[in-house]
Amino acid sequence: MEKKQRERVKEKLEREEKYAKKNALDAEKKGIKKVINMEEQEEREGQVFKPIVLENPKRYQCPECETVSRTSLELHHYFNCPNKFKEAVE
């Protein structure tokens, strides 16, 4: 009986260790993605793109992700849009 309990405890510890390693790897990958996103942001800052101008009322649309602003040139892009960190210039 004790032998079975020890085996169960051992199996449980192995599962927990495997789970902890997986979580650590996932956290590391997320950290790497954040660094890559910050590098992308720095790379795209200062660059410009020309938005599509819509009339009545005057609004602006991103040519890539097709998001539309209210009235200003400040667009809110989708997370994967190549124009995300670029400045819109009419």
N, C-alpha and C. Protein backbone atom coordinates (compact mmCIF):
# COMPACT_ATOMS: atom_id res chain seq x y z
N MET A 1 0.83 -1.19 0.00
CA MET A 1 0.00 0.00 0.00
C MET A 1 0.87 1.26 0.00
N GLU A 2 1.87 1.30 0.86
CA GLU A 2 2.77 2.46 0.91
C GLU A 2 3.52 2.64 -0.39
N LYS A 3 3.85 1.56 -1.04
CA LYS A 3 4.59 1.62 -2.29
C LYS A 3 3.74 2.33 -3.37
N LYS A 4 2.44 2.01 -3.40
CA LYS A 4 1.54 2.65 -4.36
C LYS A 4 1.43 4.14 -4.08
N GLN A 5 1.37 4.49 -2.80
CA GLN A 5 1.28 5.91 -2.44
C GLN A 5 2.53 6.66 -2.86
N ARG A 6 3.70 6.04 -2.63
CA ARG A 6 4.96 6.68 -3.04
C ARG A 6 5.00 6.87 -4.56
N GLU A 7 4.53 5.86 -5.29
CA GLU A 7 4.51 5.96 -6.75
C GLU A 7 3.59 7.09 -7.20
N ARG A 8 2.42 7.21 -6.56
CA ARG A 8 1.48 8.28 -6.90
C ARG A 8 2.09 9.65 -6.61
N VAL A 9 2.73 9.78 -5.47
CA VAL A 9 3.37 11.05 -5.11
C VAL A 9 4.47 11.37 -6.10
N LYS A 10 5.25 10.37 -6.48
CA LYS A 10 6.34 10.56 -7.44
C LYS A 10 5.77 11.01 -8.79
N GLU A 11 4.71 10.35 -9.25
CA GLU A 11 4.08 10.72 -10.51
C GLU A 11 3.52 12.14 -10.45
N LYS A 12 2.92 12.48 -9.32
CA LYS A 12 2.36 13.83 -9.16
C LYS A 12 3.47 14.87 -9.22
N LEU A 13 4.58 14.61 -8.55
CA LEU A 13 5.71 15.55 -8.57
C LEU A 13 6.27 15.70 -9.99
N GLU A 14 6.34 14.60 -10.72
CA GLU A 14 6.85 14.66 -12.09
C GLU A 14 5.91 15.50 -12.98
N ARG A 15 4.60 15.31 -12.81
CA ARG A 15 3.64 16.11 -13.57
C ARG A 15 3.77 17.59 -13.23
N GLU A 16 3.90 17.89 -11.93
CA GLU A 16 4.03 19.29 -11.51
C GLU A 16 5.32 19.91 -12.05
N GLU A 17 6.39 19.15 -12.05
CA GLU A 17 7.66 19.65 -12.56
C GLU A 17 7.57 19.91 -14.07
N LYS A 18 6.94 18.98 -14.79
CA LYS A 18 6.74 19.15 -16.23
C LYS A 18 5.90 20.39 -16.51
N TYR A 19 4.85 20.59 -15.73
CA TYR A 19 3.97 21.74 -15.88
C TYR A 19 4.73 23.04 -15.60
N ALA A 20 5.55 23.04 -14.56
CA ALA A 20 6.33 24.23 -14.20
C ALA A 20 7.32 24.57 -15.30
N LYS A 21 7.96 23.56 -15.88
CA LYS A 21 8.92 23.80 -16.97
C LYS A 21 8.20 24.40 -18.18
N LYS A 22 7.02 23.86 -18.50
CA LYS A 22 6.25 24.37 -19.63
C LYS A 22 5.87 25.83 -19.40
N ASN A 23 5.42 26.15 -18.19
CA ASN A 23 5.05 27.54 -17.88
C ASN A 23 6.25 28.47 -17.97
N ALA A 24 7.40 28.00 -17.52
CA ALA A 24 8.61 28.82 -17.59
C ALA A 24 8.99 29.08 -19.05
N LEU A 25 8.87 28.06 -19.90
CA LEU A 25 9.18 28.25 -21.32
C LEU A 25 8.19 29.21 -21.97
N ASP A 26 6.91 29.08 -21.63
CA ASP A 26 5.90 29.99 -22.18
C ASP A 26 6.18 31.43 -21.77
N ALA A 27 6.54 31.63 -20.50
CA ALA A 27 6.85 32.97 -20.01
C ALA A 27 8.07 33.54 -20.73
N GLU A 28 9.06 32.68 -20.97
CA GLU A 28 10.27 33.13 -21.67
C GLU A 28 9.93 33.54 -23.10
N LYS A 29 9.08 32.76 -23.77
CA LYS A 29 8.68 33.09 -25.14
C LYS A 29 7.94 34.42 -25.18
N LYS A 30 7.06 34.66 -24.21
CA LYS A 30 6.33 35.92 -24.16
C LYS A 30 7.28 37.09 -23.96
N GLY A 31 8.28 36.89 -23.11
CA GLY A 31 9.28 37.92 -22.89
C GLY A 31 10.04 38.25 -24.15
N ILE A 32 10.39 37.21 -24.91
CA ILE A 32 11.09 37.41 -26.18
C ILE A 32 10.20 38.16 -27.16
N LYS A 33 8.90 37.81 -27.21
CA LYS A 33 7.98 38.50 -28.11
C LYS A 33 7.88 39.97 -27.75
N LYS A 34 7.87 40.30 -26.45
CA LYS A 34 7.79 41.70 -26.04
C LYS A 34 9.02 42.47 -26.52
N VAL A 35 10.21 41.84 -26.42
CA VAL A 35 11.44 42.49 -26.88
C VAL A 35 11.36 42.72 -28.38
N ILE A 36 10.89 41.72 -29.13
CA ILE A 36 10.77 41.86 -30.58
C ILE A 36 9.80 42.99 -30.92
N ASN A 37 8.66 43.05 -30.22
CA ASN A 37 7.69 44.11 -30.47
C ASN A 37 8.26 45.48 -30.19
N MET A 38 9.06 45.61 -29.14
CA MET A 38 9.68 46.90 -28.82
C MET A 38 10.69 47.27 -29.90
N GLU A 39 11.43 46.28 -30.42
CA GLU A 39 12.38 46.55 -31.49
C GLU A 39 11.64 47.00 -32.75
N GLU A 40 10.52 46.34 -33.05
CA GLU A 40 9.70 46.75 -34.19
C GLU A 40 9.21 48.18 -34.02
N GLN A 41 8.78 48.51 -32.82
CA GLN A 41 8.26 49.84 -32.55
C GLN A 41 9.35 50.88 -32.78
N GLU A 42 10.54 50.62 -32.24
CA GLU A 42 11.64 51.57 -32.42
C GLU A 42 12.01 51.71 -33.89
N GLU A 43 11.94 50.59 -34.62
CA GLU A 43 12.29 50.58 -36.03
C GLU A 43 11.29 51.40 -36.85
N ARG A 44 10.00 51.32 -36.51
CA ARG A 44 8.95 52.00 -37.29
C ARG A 44 8.70 53.43 -36.85
N GLU A 45 9.11 53.78 -35.64
CA GLU A 45 8.88 55.16 -35.18
C GLU A 45 9.63 56.12 -36.07
N GLY A 46 8.98 57.23 -36.36
CA GLY A 46 9.60 58.22 -37.24
C GLY A 46 9.28 57.99 -38.70
N GLN A 47 8.83 56.80 -39.06
CA GLN A 47 8.42 56.53 -40.43
C GLN A 47 7.00 57.03 -40.62
N VAL A 48 6.63 57.30 -41.85
CA VAL A 48 5.31 57.83 -42.14
C VAL A 48 4.60 56.97 -43.19
N PHE A 49 3.28 57.09 -43.24
CA PHE A 49 2.50 56.46 -44.29
C PHE A 49 1.37 57.39 -44.67
N LYS A 50 0.82 57.20 -45.85
CA LYS A 50 -0.27 58.06 -46.33
C LYS A 50 -1.60 57.31 -46.16
N PRO A 51 -2.48 57.82 -45.30
CA PRO A 51 -3.77 57.16 -45.11
C PRO A 51 -4.74 57.51 -46.25
N ILE A 52 -5.79 56.73 -46.36
CA ILE A 52 -6.86 57.00 -47.32
C ILE A 52 -7.77 58.06 -46.67
N VAL A 53 -8.10 59.10 -47.40
CA VAL A 53 -8.94 60.17 -46.87
C VAL A 53 -10.39 59.90 -47.28
N LEU A 54 -11.27 59.82 -46.30
CA LEU A 54 -12.70 59.62 -46.53
C LEU A 54 -13.42 60.95 -46.30
N GLU A 55 -14.44 61.23 -47.07
CA GLU A 55 -15.16 62.50 -46.97
C GLU A 55 -16.53 62.34 -46.31
N ASN A 56 -17.06 63.46 -45.84
CA ASN A 56 -18.40 63.57 -45.25
C ASN A 56 -18.65 62.67 -44.06
N PRO A 57 -18.23 62.91 -42.91
CA PRO A 57 -17.23 63.88 -42.48
C PRO A 57 -15.83 63.37 -42.81
N LYS A 58 -14.88 64.27 -42.77
CA LYS A 58 -13.51 63.91 -43.12
C LYS A 58 -12.95 62.96 -42.08
N ARG A 59 -12.53 61.78 -42.56
CA ARG A 59 -11.93 60.76 -41.70
C ARG A 59 -10.75 60.15 -42.43
N TYR A 60 -9.96 59.35 -41.73
CA TYR A 60 -8.78 58.72 -42.31
C TYR A 60 -8.84 57.22 -42.10
N GLN A 61 -8.36 56.47 -43.12
CA GLN A 61 -8.37 55.02 -43.06
C GLN A 61 -6.98 54.48 -43.36
N CYS A 62 -6.56 53.49 -42.59
CA CYS A 62 -5.27 52.84 -42.83
C CYS A 62 -5.41 51.96 -44.07
N PRO A 63 -4.48 52.06 -45.03
CA PRO A 63 -4.57 51.24 -46.24
C PRO A 63 -4.28 49.76 -45.99
N GLU A 64 -3.62 49.44 -44.88
CA GLU A 64 -3.26 48.05 -44.58
C GLU A 64 -4.35 47.32 -43.79
N CYS A 65 -4.68 47.83 -42.62
CA CYS A 65 -5.63 47.13 -41.74
C CYS A 65 -7.05 47.68 -41.84
N GLU A 66 -7.20 48.78 -42.60
CA GLU A 66 -8.50 49.39 -42.90
C GLU A 66 -9.25 49.95 -41.68
N THR A 67 -8.54 50.25 -40.59
CA THR A 67 -9.20 50.90 -39.46
C THR A 67 -9.47 52.36 -39.83
N VAL A 68 -10.53 52.93 -39.28
CA VAL A 68 -10.93 54.30 -39.61
C VAL A 68 -10.87 55.16 -38.36
N SER A 69 -10.31 56.37 -38.49
CA SER A 69 -10.24 57.30 -37.37
C SER A 69 -11.54 58.09 -37.31
N ARG A 70 -11.74 58.80 -36.20
CA ARG A 70 -12.92 59.67 -36.09
C ARG A 70 -12.71 60.91 -36.96
N THR A 71 -11.86 61.81 -36.52
CA THR A 71 -11.62 63.02 -37.31
C THR A 71 -10.14 63.38 -37.36
N SER A 72 -9.32 62.76 -36.54
CA SER A 72 -7.90 63.13 -36.50
C SER A 72 -7.05 62.11 -37.26
N LEU A 73 -5.81 62.46 -37.45
CA LEU A 73 -4.87 61.57 -38.12
C LEU A 73 -4.35 60.47 -37.18
N GLU A 74 -4.79 60.47 -35.96
CA GLU A 74 -4.33 59.47 -35.00
C GLU A 74 -5.17 58.20 -35.16
N LEU A 75 -4.59 57.20 -35.81
CA LEU A 75 -5.29 55.95 -36.08
C LEU A 75 -4.95 54.89 -35.04
N HIS A 76 -5.90 54.03 -34.75
CA HIS A 76 -5.67 52.90 -33.86
C HIS A 76 -5.68 51.65 -34.74
N HIS A 77 -4.48 51.09 -34.96
CA HIS A 77 -4.32 49.96 -35.88
C HIS A 77 -4.53 48.63 -35.17
N TYR A 78 -4.75 47.58 -35.99
CA TYR A 78 -4.75 46.23 -35.44
C TYR A 78 -3.33 45.90 -34.98
N PHE A 79 -3.21 44.93 -34.07
CA PHE A 79 -1.92 44.64 -33.45
C PHE A 79 -0.85 44.20 -34.45
N ASN A 80 -1.24 43.63 -35.58
CA ASN A 80 -0.24 43.13 -36.54
C ASN A 80 -0.09 44.01 -37.78
N CYS A 81 -0.63 45.21 -37.73
CA CYS A 81 -0.57 46.12 -38.87
C CYS A 81 0.85 46.67 -39.03
N PRO A 82 1.39 46.65 -40.25
CA PRO A 82 2.73 47.19 -40.47
C PRO A 82 2.82 48.71 -40.26
N ASN A 83 1.69 49.40 -40.23
CA ASN A 83 1.68 50.85 -40.01
C ASN A 83 1.46 51.22 -38.55
N LYS A 84 1.44 50.24 -37.67
CA LYS A 84 1.05 50.46 -36.28
C LYS A 84 1.83 51.58 -35.59
N PHE A 85 3.13 51.62 -35.75
CA PHE A 85 3.93 52.61 -35.04
C PHE A 85 4.39 53.75 -35.95
N LYS A 86 3.83 53.79 -37.14
CA LYS A 86 4.19 54.85 -38.08
C LYS A 86 3.23 56.03 -37.90
N GLU A 87 3.68 57.19 -38.37
CA GLU A 87 2.87 58.40 -38.27
C GLU A 87 2.12 58.61 -39.57
N ALA A 88 0.83 58.92 -39.47
CA ALA A 88 0.02 59.19 -40.65
C ALA A 88 0.23 60.62 -41.11
N VAL A 89 0.48 60.81 -42.41
CA VAL A 89 0.70 62.13 -42.98
C VAL A 89 -0.23 62.29 -44.17
N GLU A 90 -1.01 63.36 -44.17
CA GLU A 90 -1.98 63.58 -45.25
C GLU A 90 -1.30 64.02 -46.52
